[in-house]
N, C-alpha and C. Protein backbone atom coordinates (compact mmCIF):
# COMPACT_ATOMS: atom_id res chain seq x y z
N MET A 1 117.06 27.80 127.08
CA MET A 1 116.76 28.62 125.91
C MET A 1 117.96 28.58 124.98
N CYS A 2 117.75 28.36 123.67
CA CYS A 2 118.82 28.31 122.70
C CYS A 2 118.52 29.32 121.61
N SER A 3 119.56 29.83 121.00
CA SER A 3 119.38 30.79 119.93
C SER A 3 120.20 30.36 118.74
N GLY A 4 119.77 30.78 117.55
CA GLY A 4 120.53 30.50 116.35
C GLY A 4 120.14 29.17 115.73
N THR A 5 120.65 28.92 114.51
CA THR A 5 120.41 27.67 113.80
C THR A 5 121.72 27.16 113.27
N ASN A 6 121.74 25.91 112.83
CA ASN A 6 122.94 25.37 112.21
C ASN A 6 123.19 26.06 110.88
N GLY A 7 124.42 26.44 110.63
CA GLY A 7 124.76 27.07 109.37
C GLY A 7 125.06 26.03 108.31
N THR A 8 125.43 26.52 107.13
CA THR A 8 125.75 25.62 106.03
C THR A 8 127.24 25.41 105.90
N GLY A 9 128.04 26.06 106.75
CA GLY A 9 129.48 25.97 106.62
C GLY A 9 130.11 25.11 107.68
N GLY A 10 129.39 24.11 108.21
CA GLY A 10 129.96 23.18 109.16
C GLY A 10 129.85 23.63 110.59
N GLU A 11 129.07 24.70 110.89
CA GLU A 11 128.92 25.16 112.26
C GLU A 11 128.07 24.17 113.04
N GLY A 12 128.42 23.97 114.31
CA GLY A 12 127.64 23.11 115.19
C GLY A 12 126.50 23.88 115.80
N PRO A 13 125.70 23.21 116.67
CA PRO A 13 124.59 23.88 117.33
C PRO A 13 125.08 25.00 118.23
N SER A 14 124.27 26.03 118.35
CA SER A 14 124.66 27.18 119.17
C SER A 14 124.65 26.82 120.64
N SER A 15 125.40 27.56 121.43
CA SER A 15 125.45 27.33 122.88
C SER A 15 124.20 27.87 123.53
N PRO A 16 123.75 27.25 124.63
CA PRO A 16 122.57 27.77 125.33
C PRO A 16 122.81 29.19 125.82
N GLU A 17 121.79 30.00 125.77
CA GLU A 17 121.89 31.37 126.27
C GLU A 17 122.12 31.34 127.77
N VAL A 18 123.09 32.10 128.21
CA VAL A 18 123.38 32.19 129.64
C VAL A 18 122.70 33.43 130.18
N LEU A 19 121.77 33.24 131.10
CA LEU A 19 121.03 34.36 131.67
C LEU A 19 121.60 34.72 133.04
N SER A 20 121.44 35.94 133.40
CA SER A 20 122.01 36.47 134.63
C SER A 20 121.31 35.90 135.86
N GLU A 21 122.07 35.75 136.94
CA GLU A 21 121.52 35.36 138.24
C GLU A 21 121.40 36.57 139.16
N ASP A 22 121.55 37.77 138.59
CA ASP A 22 121.40 39.01 139.34
C ASP A 22 119.94 39.47 139.22
N PRO A 23 119.19 39.52 140.32
CA PRO A 23 117.77 39.88 140.22
C PRO A 23 117.53 41.26 139.63
N SER A 24 118.48 42.17 139.77
CA SER A 24 118.29 43.52 139.24
C SER A 24 118.21 43.53 137.72
N ASP A 25 118.70 42.47 137.08
CA ASP A 25 118.63 42.38 135.62
C ASP A 25 117.23 42.03 135.13
N TYR A 26 116.31 41.74 136.05
CA TYR A 26 114.95 41.36 135.67
C TYR A 26 113.93 42.41 136.12
N GLY A 27 114.41 43.56 136.51
CA GLY A 27 113.52 44.63 136.91
C GLY A 27 113.36 44.72 138.42
N ASN A 28 112.61 45.71 138.85
CA ASN A 28 112.47 45.98 140.29
C ASN A 28 111.53 45.01 141.00
N ASN A 29 110.78 44.21 140.26
CA ASN A 29 109.79 43.34 140.88
C ASN A 29 110.28 41.93 141.17
N VAL A 30 111.53 41.64 140.89
CA VAL A 30 112.12 40.35 141.27
C VAL A 30 113.01 40.59 142.49
N LYS A 31 112.64 39.96 143.58
CA LYS A 31 113.37 40.15 144.84
C LYS A 31 113.84 38.81 145.38
N ILE A 32 115.04 38.80 145.96
CA ILE A 32 115.61 37.59 146.56
C ILE A 32 115.81 37.86 148.05
N LEU A 33 115.54 36.83 148.86
CA LEU A 33 115.79 36.96 150.29
C LEU A 33 117.22 37.42 150.53
N ALA A 34 117.40 38.27 151.51
CA ALA A 34 118.74 38.72 151.87
C ALA A 34 119.61 37.50 152.17
N TYR A 35 120.71 37.39 151.46
CA TYR A 35 121.56 36.19 151.56
C TYR A 35 122.24 36.12 152.92
N ASN A 36 122.22 34.94 153.52
CA ASN A 36 123.02 34.68 154.72
C ASN A 36 123.32 33.18 154.78
N ASP A 37 124.17 32.78 155.72
CA ASP A 37 124.61 31.39 155.80
C ASP A 37 123.45 30.45 156.15
N GLN A 38 122.49 30.93 156.94
CA GLN A 38 121.35 30.08 157.29
C GLN A 38 120.56 29.69 156.05
N ILE A 39 120.29 30.65 155.18
CA ILE A 39 119.53 30.36 153.97
C ILE A 39 120.32 29.42 153.07
N LYS A 40 121.62 29.64 152.94
CA LYS A 40 122.45 28.76 152.11
C LYS A 40 122.45 27.34 152.67
N GLU A 41 122.46 27.20 153.98
CA GLU A 41 122.43 25.86 154.58
C GLU A 41 121.11 25.17 154.26
N LEU A 42 119.99 25.89 154.39
CA LEU A 42 118.69 25.30 154.09
C LEU A 42 118.61 24.87 152.63
N GLN A 43 119.11 25.71 151.73
CA GLN A 43 119.12 25.35 150.32
C GLN A 43 119.98 24.12 150.06
N THR A 44 121.10 24.01 150.77
CA THR A 44 122.00 22.88 150.60
C THR A 44 121.34 21.59 151.05
N ILE A 45 120.68 21.61 152.20
CA ILE A 45 120.02 20.41 152.71
C ILE A 45 118.92 19.96 151.77
N ILE A 46 118.16 20.89 151.24
CA ILE A 46 117.07 20.55 150.33
C ILE A 46 117.60 19.94 149.04
N ARG A 47 118.76 20.39 148.57
CA ARG A 47 119.33 19.88 147.32
C ARG A 47 120.09 18.56 147.51
N ASP A 48 120.50 18.24 148.71
CA ASP A 48 121.33 17.06 148.97
C ASP A 48 120.52 15.78 148.76
N LYS A 49 120.97 14.90 147.87
CA LYS A 49 120.23 13.66 147.60
C LYS A 49 120.21 12.72 148.79
N ASN A 50 121.12 12.91 149.75
CA ASN A 50 121.20 12.03 150.92
C ASN A 50 120.34 12.51 152.09
N THR A 51 119.67 13.63 151.95
CA THR A 51 118.82 14.13 153.02
C THR A 51 117.60 13.22 153.19
N THR A 52 117.33 12.81 154.44
CA THR A 52 116.16 11.97 154.69
C THR A 52 114.88 12.79 154.46
N ARG A 53 113.76 12.12 154.27
CA ARG A 53 112.53 12.84 154.01
C ARG A 53 112.12 13.69 155.21
N SER A 54 112.29 13.15 156.43
CA SER A 54 111.90 13.92 157.61
C SER A 54 112.72 15.20 157.72
N ASP A 55 114.03 15.10 157.46
CA ASP A 55 114.87 16.29 157.48
C ASP A 55 114.51 17.22 156.32
N PHE A 56 114.24 16.64 155.16
CA PHE A 56 113.88 17.45 154.00
C PHE A 56 112.67 18.32 154.31
N LYS A 57 111.63 17.71 154.86
CA LYS A 57 110.41 18.44 155.15
C LYS A 57 110.65 19.49 156.24
N PHE A 58 111.41 19.13 157.27
CA PHE A 58 111.66 20.07 158.37
C PHE A 58 112.38 21.32 157.86
N TYR A 59 113.44 21.13 157.07
CA TYR A 59 114.23 22.28 156.62
C TYR A 59 113.53 23.02 155.47
N ALA A 60 112.75 22.29 154.67
CA ALA A 60 111.95 22.98 153.65
C ALA A 60 110.93 23.89 154.31
N ASP A 61 110.30 23.42 155.39
CA ASP A 61 109.33 24.26 156.10
C ASP A 61 109.99 25.51 156.66
N ARG A 62 111.23 25.39 157.10
CA ARG A 62 111.94 26.57 157.60
C ARG A 62 112.16 27.59 156.49
N LEU A 63 112.59 27.11 155.31
CA LEU A 63 112.82 28.03 154.20
C LEU A 63 111.50 28.62 153.72
N ILE A 64 110.45 27.80 153.69
CA ILE A 64 109.13 28.29 153.31
C ILE A 64 108.70 29.44 154.22
N ARG A 65 108.91 29.26 155.52
CA ARG A 65 108.50 30.28 156.48
C ARG A 65 109.23 31.60 156.22
N LEU A 66 110.52 31.51 155.91
CA LEU A 66 111.29 32.73 155.63
C LEU A 66 110.76 33.43 154.37
N VAL A 67 110.44 32.65 153.34
CA VAL A 67 109.92 33.23 152.10
C VAL A 67 108.54 33.84 152.33
N ILE A 68 107.69 33.15 153.07
CA ILE A 68 106.35 33.66 153.35
C ILE A 68 106.43 34.96 154.15
N GLU A 69 107.29 34.98 155.16
CA GLU A 69 107.43 36.19 155.98
C GLU A 69 107.82 37.39 155.11
N GLU A 70 108.78 37.18 154.22
CA GLU A 70 109.22 38.29 153.37
C GLU A 70 108.15 38.63 152.33
N SER A 71 107.41 37.63 151.86
CA SER A 71 106.31 37.92 150.93
C SER A 71 105.27 38.80 151.59
N LEU A 72 104.95 38.51 152.84
CA LEU A 72 103.99 39.34 153.57
C LEU A 72 104.50 40.77 153.72
N ASN A 73 105.80 40.90 153.76
CA ASN A 73 106.40 42.24 153.88
C ASN A 73 106.18 43.08 152.62
N GLN A 74 105.81 42.42 151.51
CA GLN A 74 105.56 43.12 150.26
C GLN A 74 104.12 43.62 150.15
N LEU A 75 103.25 43.15 151.07
CA LEU A 75 101.84 43.56 151.03
C LEU A 75 101.68 44.99 151.51
N PRO A 76 100.63 45.67 151.08
CA PRO A 76 100.41 47.05 151.51
C PRO A 76 99.94 47.13 152.96
N TYR A 77 100.44 48.12 153.68
CA TYR A 77 100.07 48.39 155.07
C TYR A 77 99.40 49.74 155.16
N SER A 78 98.66 49.93 156.23
CA SER A 78 98.08 51.24 156.54
C SER A 78 98.55 51.68 157.92
N ASP A 79 98.70 52.99 158.10
CA ASP A 79 99.06 53.53 159.42
C ASP A 79 97.90 53.31 160.39
N CYS A 80 98.23 53.06 161.63
CA CYS A 80 97.20 52.94 162.66
C CYS A 80 97.80 53.32 164.00
N SER A 81 96.95 53.64 164.97
CA SER A 81 97.38 53.95 166.33
C SER A 81 96.61 53.06 167.29
N VAL A 82 97.32 52.55 168.30
CA VAL A 82 96.68 51.72 169.33
C VAL A 82 97.03 52.26 170.70
N ILE A 83 96.22 51.89 171.67
CA ILE A 83 96.49 52.27 173.06
C ILE A 83 97.10 51.08 173.77
N THR A 84 98.25 51.26 174.38
CA THR A 84 98.95 50.19 175.08
C THR A 84 98.32 49.96 176.46
N PRO A 85 98.65 48.83 177.11
CA PRO A 85 98.11 48.58 178.46
C PRO A 85 98.42 49.66 179.48
N THR A 86 99.48 50.46 179.21
CA THR A 86 99.82 51.54 180.14
C THR A 86 99.10 52.84 179.79
N GLY A 87 98.27 52.81 178.74
CA GLY A 87 97.54 54.00 178.34
C GLY A 87 98.26 54.87 177.34
N ALA A 88 99.45 54.46 176.90
CA ALA A 88 100.19 55.25 175.92
C ALA A 88 99.64 54.98 174.52
N ILE A 89 99.85 55.93 173.64
CA ILE A 89 99.45 55.76 172.24
C ILE A 89 100.67 55.32 171.43
N TYR A 90 100.48 54.24 170.68
CA TYR A 90 101.57 53.72 169.84
C TYR A 90 101.15 53.84 168.38
N ASP A 91 101.97 54.52 167.59
CA ASP A 91 101.71 54.67 166.16
C ASP A 91 102.36 53.51 165.42
N GLY A 92 101.55 52.66 164.80
CA GLY A 92 102.07 51.47 164.14
C GLY A 92 101.47 51.25 162.77
N LEU A 93 101.46 49.99 162.35
CA LEU A 93 100.96 49.59 161.03
C LEU A 93 100.07 48.38 161.17
N ARG A 94 99.16 48.20 160.21
CA ARG A 94 98.41 46.96 160.08
C ARG A 94 98.17 46.69 158.60
N TYR A 95 98.04 45.39 158.28
CA TYR A 95 97.74 45.04 156.89
C TYR A 95 96.44 45.70 156.43
N ARG A 96 96.42 46.13 155.20
CA ARG A 96 95.15 46.53 154.61
C ARG A 96 94.30 45.27 154.42
N SER A 97 93.01 45.41 154.52
CA SER A 97 92.13 44.25 154.39
C SER A 97 92.12 43.73 152.96
N GLY A 98 91.83 42.43 152.82
CA GLY A 98 91.69 41.86 151.49
C GLY A 98 92.91 41.15 150.96
N ASN A 99 93.55 40.32 151.78
CA ASN A 99 94.66 39.49 151.33
C ASN A 99 94.21 38.04 151.25
N CYS A 100 94.79 37.27 150.35
CA CYS A 100 94.51 35.84 150.30
C CYS A 100 95.69 35.11 149.69
N GLY A 101 95.72 33.80 149.88
CA GLY A 101 96.73 32.96 149.27
C GLY A 101 96.11 32.11 148.18
N VAL A 102 96.91 31.73 147.19
CA VAL A 102 96.50 30.78 146.16
C VAL A 102 97.68 29.84 145.93
N SER A 103 97.47 28.55 146.11
CA SER A 103 98.54 27.58 145.88
C SER A 103 98.33 26.88 144.56
N ILE A 104 99.44 26.67 143.85
CA ILE A 104 99.40 25.88 142.62
C ILE A 104 99.63 24.42 143.01
N ILE A 105 98.60 23.60 142.84
CA ILE A 105 98.63 22.20 143.24
C ILE A 105 99.67 21.45 142.40
N ARG A 106 100.53 20.53 142.93
CA ARG A 106 100.45 20.10 144.30
C ARG A 106 101.56 20.72 145.13
N SER A 107 102.67 21.00 144.52
CA SER A 107 103.81 21.45 145.32
C SER A 107 103.53 22.74 146.06
N GLY A 108 102.68 23.60 145.49
CA GLY A 108 102.35 24.85 146.16
C GLY A 108 101.65 24.65 147.48
N GLU A 109 100.97 23.50 147.64
CA GLU A 109 100.28 23.21 148.89
C GLU A 109 101.25 23.06 150.05
N ALA A 110 102.52 22.77 149.76
CA ALA A 110 103.53 22.67 150.81
C ALA A 110 103.72 24.00 151.53
N MET A 111 103.34 25.10 150.90
CA MET A 111 103.55 26.42 151.47
C MET A 111 102.33 26.95 152.22
N GLU A 112 101.22 26.22 152.16
CA GLU A 112 99.99 26.72 152.77
C GLU A 112 100.10 26.84 154.29
N GLN A 113 100.69 25.83 154.95
CA GLN A 113 100.77 25.88 156.40
C GLN A 113 101.64 27.04 156.86
N GLY A 114 102.71 27.31 156.13
CA GLY A 114 103.56 28.45 156.48
C GLY A 114 102.80 29.75 156.42
N LEU A 115 101.91 29.88 155.43
CA LEU A 115 101.09 31.09 155.34
C LEU A 115 100.08 31.15 156.47
N ARG A 116 99.45 30.02 156.78
CA ARG A 116 98.47 30.00 157.87
C ARG A 116 99.13 30.27 159.22
N ASP A 117 100.38 29.82 159.39
CA ASP A 117 101.09 30.09 160.64
C ASP A 117 101.32 31.58 160.84
N CYS A 118 101.39 32.33 159.75
CA CYS A 118 101.63 33.77 159.84
C CYS A 118 100.32 34.57 159.82
N CYS A 119 99.31 34.04 159.12
CA CYS A 119 98.02 34.73 158.98
C CYS A 119 96.93 33.73 159.31
N ARG A 120 96.47 33.73 160.53
CA ARG A 120 95.63 32.64 161.04
C ARG A 120 94.33 32.46 160.27
N SER A 121 93.71 33.52 159.83
CA SER A 121 92.39 33.40 159.21
C SER A 121 92.40 33.65 157.71
N ILE A 122 93.57 33.64 157.09
CA ILE A 122 93.65 33.99 155.67
C ILE A 122 92.97 32.91 154.82
N ARG A 123 92.30 33.34 153.78
CA ARG A 123 91.64 32.40 152.86
C ARG A 123 92.63 31.97 151.78
N ILE A 124 92.52 30.70 151.36
CA ILE A 124 93.46 30.13 150.39
C ILE A 124 92.69 29.46 149.26
N GLY A 125 92.97 29.88 148.03
CA GLY A 125 92.41 29.24 146.85
C GLY A 125 93.41 28.27 146.26
N LYS A 126 92.99 27.57 145.21
CA LYS A 126 93.85 26.55 144.60
C LYS A 126 93.71 26.58 143.08
N ILE A 127 94.83 26.27 142.41
CA ILE A 127 94.86 26.11 140.96
C ILE A 127 95.60 24.82 140.64
N LEU A 128 95.06 24.03 139.72
CA LEU A 128 95.75 22.84 139.23
C LEU A 128 96.09 23.05 137.76
N VAL A 129 97.38 22.97 137.46
CA VAL A 129 97.86 23.11 136.09
C VAL A 129 98.51 21.79 135.69
N GLU A 130 98.11 21.26 134.56
CA GLU A 130 98.68 20.01 134.06
C GLU A 130 99.20 20.21 132.65
N SER A 131 100.21 19.39 132.29
CA SER A 131 100.76 19.45 130.94
C SER A 131 100.19 18.32 130.10
N ASP A 132 99.83 18.63 128.88
CA ASP A 132 99.31 17.62 127.97
C ASP A 132 100.39 16.57 127.70
N ALA A 133 100.02 15.30 127.75
CA ALA A 133 100.99 14.22 127.61
C ALA A 133 101.67 14.22 126.24
N GLU A 134 100.97 14.70 125.21
CA GLU A 134 101.54 14.68 123.87
C GLU A 134 102.20 16.00 123.48
N THR A 135 101.50 17.09 123.73
CA THR A 135 102.01 18.40 123.31
C THR A 135 102.87 19.08 124.38
N HIS A 136 102.73 18.62 125.65
CA HIS A 136 103.45 19.22 126.79
C HIS A 136 103.03 20.66 127.04
N VAL A 137 101.92 21.08 126.49
CA VAL A 137 101.41 22.42 126.73
C VAL A 137 100.68 22.44 128.08
N ALA A 138 101.02 23.41 128.92
CA ALA A 138 100.40 23.50 130.24
C ALA A 138 99.02 24.13 130.12
N LYS A 139 98.06 23.59 130.85
CA LYS A 139 96.72 24.17 130.87
C LYS A 139 96.11 24.01 132.25
N VAL A 140 95.24 24.93 132.61
CA VAL A 140 94.58 24.90 133.91
C VAL A 140 93.37 23.96 133.82
N VAL A 141 93.30 23.00 134.75
CA VAL A 141 92.18 22.05 134.75
C VAL A 141 91.28 22.24 135.97
N TYR A 142 91.72 23.05 136.94
CA TYR A 142 90.89 23.29 138.13
C TYR A 142 91.31 24.60 138.76
N ALA A 143 90.34 25.38 139.20
CA ALA A 143 90.63 26.63 139.92
C ALA A 143 89.49 26.93 140.86
N ARG A 144 89.82 27.25 142.10
CA ARG A 144 88.81 27.63 143.09
C ARG A 144 89.37 28.78 143.92
N PHE A 145 88.63 29.90 143.94
CA PHE A 145 89.09 31.11 144.61
C PHE A 145 87.99 31.68 145.48
N PRO A 146 88.36 32.55 146.43
CA PRO A 146 87.32 33.34 147.12
C PRO A 146 86.52 34.14 146.10
N ASP A 147 85.24 34.31 146.36
CA ASP A 147 84.36 34.98 145.40
C ASP A 147 84.82 36.40 145.07
N ASP A 148 85.44 37.06 146.05
CA ASP A 148 85.84 38.45 145.84
C ASP A 148 87.32 38.59 145.54
N ILE A 149 87.93 37.58 144.93
CA ILE A 149 89.38 37.59 144.73
C ILE A 149 89.83 38.77 143.87
N ALA A 150 88.96 39.27 143.01
CA ALA A 150 89.32 40.40 142.15
C ALA A 150 89.70 41.64 142.96
N HIS A 151 89.24 41.70 144.22
CA HIS A 151 89.50 42.86 145.06
C HIS A 151 90.57 42.58 146.12
N ARG A 152 91.27 41.48 145.98
CA ARG A 152 92.25 41.08 147.00
C ARG A 152 93.68 41.16 146.48
N GLN A 153 94.62 41.27 147.42
CA GLN A 153 96.03 41.05 147.15
C GLN A 153 96.26 39.54 147.24
N VAL A 154 96.98 38.98 146.28
CA VAL A 154 97.12 37.53 146.18
C VAL A 154 98.58 37.11 146.35
N LEU A 155 98.82 36.20 147.31
CA LEU A 155 100.11 35.52 147.42
C LEU A 155 99.99 34.20 146.65
N LEU A 156 100.61 34.13 145.48
CA LEU A 156 100.58 32.92 144.66
C LEU A 156 101.76 32.05 145.07
N MET A 157 101.48 30.84 145.54
CA MET A 157 102.52 29.98 146.14
C MET A 157 102.90 28.85 145.20
N TYR A 158 104.19 28.81 144.83
CA TYR A 158 104.71 27.77 143.95
C TYR A 158 106.21 27.65 144.22
N PRO A 159 106.67 26.58 144.85
CA PRO A 159 108.05 26.54 145.36
C PRO A 159 109.14 26.43 144.30
N ILE A 160 108.90 25.69 143.21
CA ILE A 160 109.95 25.46 142.22
C ILE A 160 109.49 25.98 140.87
N MET A 161 110.22 26.96 140.34
CA MET A 161 109.87 27.52 139.04
C MET A 161 111.04 27.32 138.08
N ALA A 162 110.93 26.28 137.25
CA ALA A 162 112.02 25.92 136.34
C ALA A 162 111.88 26.58 134.98
N THR A 163 110.65 26.63 134.44
CA THR A 163 110.45 27.21 133.11
C THR A 163 109.55 28.44 133.14
N GLY A 164 108.66 28.52 134.12
CA GLY A 164 107.71 29.63 134.20
C GLY A 164 106.38 29.33 133.55
N ASN A 165 106.27 28.23 132.80
CA ASN A 165 105.03 27.93 132.06
C ASN A 165 103.83 27.75 132.99
N THR A 166 104.02 27.01 134.07
CA THR A 166 102.91 26.76 135.00
C THR A 166 102.43 28.05 135.64
N VAL A 167 103.36 28.88 136.07
CA VAL A 167 103.00 30.14 136.71
C VAL A 167 102.28 31.06 135.73
N ILE A 168 102.73 31.09 134.49
CA ILE A 168 102.09 31.93 133.48
C ILE A 168 100.62 31.53 133.30
N GLN A 169 100.36 30.23 133.23
CA GLN A 169 98.99 29.77 133.10
C GLN A 169 98.16 30.14 134.33
N ALA A 170 98.76 29.98 135.52
CA ALA A 170 98.03 30.30 136.76
C ALA A 170 97.71 31.79 136.83
N VAL A 171 98.66 32.64 136.47
CA VAL A 171 98.43 34.08 136.51
C VAL A 171 97.36 34.49 135.50
N ASN A 172 97.38 33.87 134.34
CA ASN A 172 96.34 34.17 133.35
C ASN A 172 94.95 33.89 133.90
N VAL A 173 94.80 32.79 134.65
CA VAL A 173 93.50 32.46 135.24
C VAL A 173 93.12 33.49 136.30
N LEU A 174 94.08 33.89 137.12
CA LEU A 174 93.80 34.92 138.13
C LEU A 174 93.34 36.22 137.45
N LYS A 175 94.00 36.59 136.37
CA LYS A 175 93.62 37.81 135.65
C LYS A 175 92.24 37.65 135.02
N ASP A 176 91.93 36.44 134.55
CA ASP A 176 90.58 36.19 134.02
C ASP A 176 89.51 36.39 135.08
N HIS A 177 89.89 36.19 136.35
CA HIS A 177 88.95 36.38 137.46
C HIS A 177 89.00 37.81 138.01
N GLY A 178 89.67 38.69 137.30
CA GLY A 178 89.66 40.10 137.66
C GLY A 178 90.78 40.56 138.56
N VAL A 179 91.73 39.67 138.89
CA VAL A 179 92.85 40.07 139.76
C VAL A 179 93.82 40.93 138.96
N LYS A 180 94.20 42.05 139.52
CA LYS A 180 95.16 42.92 138.86
C LYS A 180 96.56 42.31 138.95
N GLU A 181 97.31 42.44 137.88
CA GLU A 181 98.67 41.90 137.84
C GLU A 181 99.53 42.44 138.98
N ALA A 182 99.37 43.71 139.27
CA ALA A 182 100.16 44.34 140.33
C ALA A 182 99.74 43.88 141.72
N SER A 183 98.62 43.17 141.82
CA SER A 183 98.14 42.68 143.11
C SER A 183 98.60 41.25 143.40
N ILE A 184 99.45 40.69 142.54
CA ILE A 184 99.91 39.31 142.69
C ILE A 184 101.37 39.31 143.11
N ILE A 185 101.67 38.56 144.17
CA ILE A 185 103.04 38.33 144.62
C ILE A 185 103.31 36.84 144.53
N LEU A 186 104.28 36.43 143.72
CA LEU A 186 104.64 35.03 143.61
C LEU A 186 105.63 34.68 144.71
N SER A 187 105.22 33.79 145.62
CA SER A 187 106.09 33.32 146.70
C SER A 187 106.74 32.01 146.25
N ASN A 188 108.07 32.03 146.11
CA ASN A 188 108.79 30.95 145.45
C ASN A 188 110.07 30.63 146.22
N LEU A 189 110.47 29.36 146.22
CA LEU A 189 111.71 28.97 146.89
C LEU A 189 112.90 28.99 145.94
N PHE A 190 112.75 28.36 144.78
CA PHE A 190 113.85 28.22 143.83
C PHE A 190 113.38 28.61 142.44
N CYS A 191 114.09 29.52 141.80
CA CYS A 191 113.70 30.03 140.49
C CYS A 191 114.91 30.02 139.56
N THR A 192 114.72 29.57 138.33
CA THR A 192 115.79 29.64 137.34
C THR A 192 115.75 31.00 136.63
N PRO A 193 116.88 31.44 136.11
CA PRO A 193 116.86 32.68 135.32
C PRO A 193 115.92 32.61 134.13
N VAL A 194 115.82 31.44 133.49
CA VAL A 194 114.90 31.29 132.36
C VAL A 194 113.47 31.56 132.79
N ALA A 195 113.07 31.00 133.93
CA ALA A 195 111.71 31.20 134.43
C ALA A 195 111.47 32.65 134.80
N ALA A 196 112.45 33.26 135.44
CA ALA A 196 112.31 34.67 135.82
C ALA A 196 112.09 35.54 134.59
N ARG A 197 112.88 35.29 133.54
CA ARG A 197 112.74 36.07 132.31
C ARG A 197 111.37 35.85 131.68
N MET A 198 110.91 34.60 131.65
CA MET A 198 109.61 34.29 131.07
C MET A 198 108.49 35.02 131.79
N VAL A 199 108.50 34.97 133.11
CA VAL A 199 107.39 35.51 133.88
C VAL A 199 107.40 37.04 133.86
N VAL A 200 108.56 37.66 134.05
CA VAL A 200 108.58 39.12 134.08
C VAL A 200 108.30 39.71 132.70
N THR A 201 108.63 38.95 131.64
CA THR A 201 108.30 39.41 130.30
C THR A 201 106.79 39.37 130.06
N ALA A 202 106.17 38.28 130.56
CA ALA A 202 104.72 38.14 130.39
C ALA A 202 103.93 39.07 131.31
N PHE A 203 104.45 39.27 132.53
CA PHE A 203 103.71 40.06 133.53
C PHE A 203 104.67 41.02 134.24
N PRO A 204 104.99 42.13 133.63
CA PRO A 204 105.99 43.04 134.21
C PRO A 204 105.57 43.68 135.53
N ASP A 205 104.28 43.68 135.86
CA ASP A 205 103.83 44.30 137.11
C ASP A 205 103.70 43.30 138.26
N LEU A 206 103.87 42.01 137.97
CA LEU A 206 103.80 40.99 139.02
C LEU A 206 105.10 40.99 139.82
N LYS A 207 105.00 40.75 141.14
CA LYS A 207 106.19 40.68 141.99
C LYS A 207 106.58 39.23 142.22
N ILE A 208 107.88 38.95 142.19
CA ILE A 208 108.41 37.62 142.48
C ILE A 208 109.32 37.71 143.69
N LEU A 209 109.06 36.87 144.69
CA LEU A 209 109.91 36.79 145.88
C LEU A 209 110.43 35.37 145.96
N THR A 210 111.73 35.17 145.86
CA THR A 210 112.33 33.84 145.86
C THR A 210 113.56 33.83 146.75
N SER A 211 114.07 32.62 147.04
CA SER A 211 115.27 32.52 147.87
C SER A 211 116.53 32.49 147.01
N GLU A 212 116.39 32.20 145.70
CA GLU A 212 117.57 32.19 144.85
C GLU A 212 117.20 32.15 143.38
N LEU A 213 118.11 32.67 142.55
CA LEU A 213 118.08 32.46 141.11
C LEU A 213 119.25 31.53 140.78
N ASN A 214 118.93 30.36 140.22
CA ASN A 214 119.96 29.37 139.92
C ASN A 214 119.51 28.58 138.70
N PRO A 215 120.41 28.32 137.76
CA PRO A 215 119.99 27.62 136.53
C PRO A 215 119.53 26.19 136.75
N VAL A 216 119.86 25.60 137.89
CA VAL A 216 119.43 24.23 138.18
C VAL A 216 118.45 24.26 139.35
N ALA A 217 117.20 23.90 139.07
CA ALA A 217 116.16 23.89 140.11
C ALA A 217 116.03 22.48 140.70
N PRO A 218 115.79 22.37 142.02
CA PRO A 218 115.58 21.05 142.64
C PRO A 218 114.17 20.54 142.34
N ASN A 219 114.02 19.98 141.14
CA ASN A 219 112.68 19.57 140.68
C ASN A 219 112.11 18.38 141.45
N HIS A 220 112.92 17.79 142.32
CA HIS A 220 112.43 16.68 143.15
C HIS A 220 111.64 17.18 144.36
N PHE A 221 111.48 18.49 144.50
CA PHE A 221 110.94 19.05 145.73
C PHE A 221 109.59 18.45 146.10
N GLY A 222 108.63 18.47 145.19
CA GLY A 222 107.28 17.99 145.51
C GLY A 222 107.26 16.54 145.91
N GLN A 223 108.00 15.71 145.18
CA GLN A 223 108.03 14.29 145.50
C GLN A 223 108.63 14.03 146.88
N ARG A 224 109.72 14.71 147.18
CA ARG A 224 110.37 14.52 148.48
C ARG A 224 109.51 15.06 149.62
N TYR A 225 108.92 16.22 149.42
CA TYR A 225 108.14 16.84 150.49
C TYR A 225 106.93 15.99 150.85
N PHE A 226 106.24 15.48 149.85
CA PHE A 226 105.02 14.72 150.12
C PHE A 226 105.26 13.20 150.19
N GLY A 227 106.51 12.78 150.05
CA GLY A 227 106.83 11.37 150.21
C GLY A 227 106.37 10.49 149.07
N THR A 228 106.33 11.04 147.86
CA THR A 228 105.87 10.26 146.70
C THR A 228 107.02 9.90 145.75
N ASP A 229 108.28 10.10 146.22
CA ASP A 229 109.41 9.75 145.36
C ASP A 229 109.73 8.27 145.46
């Protein structure tokens, strides 16, 4: 993002706007995984150009699983009581009914197995967003969801968010299908501050769960994960 214009007194182009990497600067709905050395190692391996594809996929799947687990932690729960094998009563929690996943094709499909590993019977929809070759404007060309998605909590899966344009188009389609903005949780691996600002400005009630805010996103992710680089 750049601001300002060239002046008439010999001024050069303005410097790019520097956005914060502190999630609290983007409101309460942007959350980052609790930082630790394991997460930093996984991020490092994924960014390293010398990482083999087999290692890339293995460690990406580990980071995906961590993000999915924390995303599920953002879903609403209800109190419940169960009887243990010894006959004791245990007061616990269970998910409220009506959760589903939606992956943004193609890179978002890398996160589907991680979600299924955590929620065995969860339904998953898909959205395909493409950019026009001439105008570079993103538009949705395919969408398939559960019929009752308007009544569900949605985990929207998209691993790399560099500009936010693709996610904005995907969320607009979900809203067109009756999904409430507050019912959408974006499960993301790498997010730039520019993308975070774009998305939270467009959808202040949407939740974003990511592993980091960094101005440089590993845009090679999809190609490396699926072996198309």
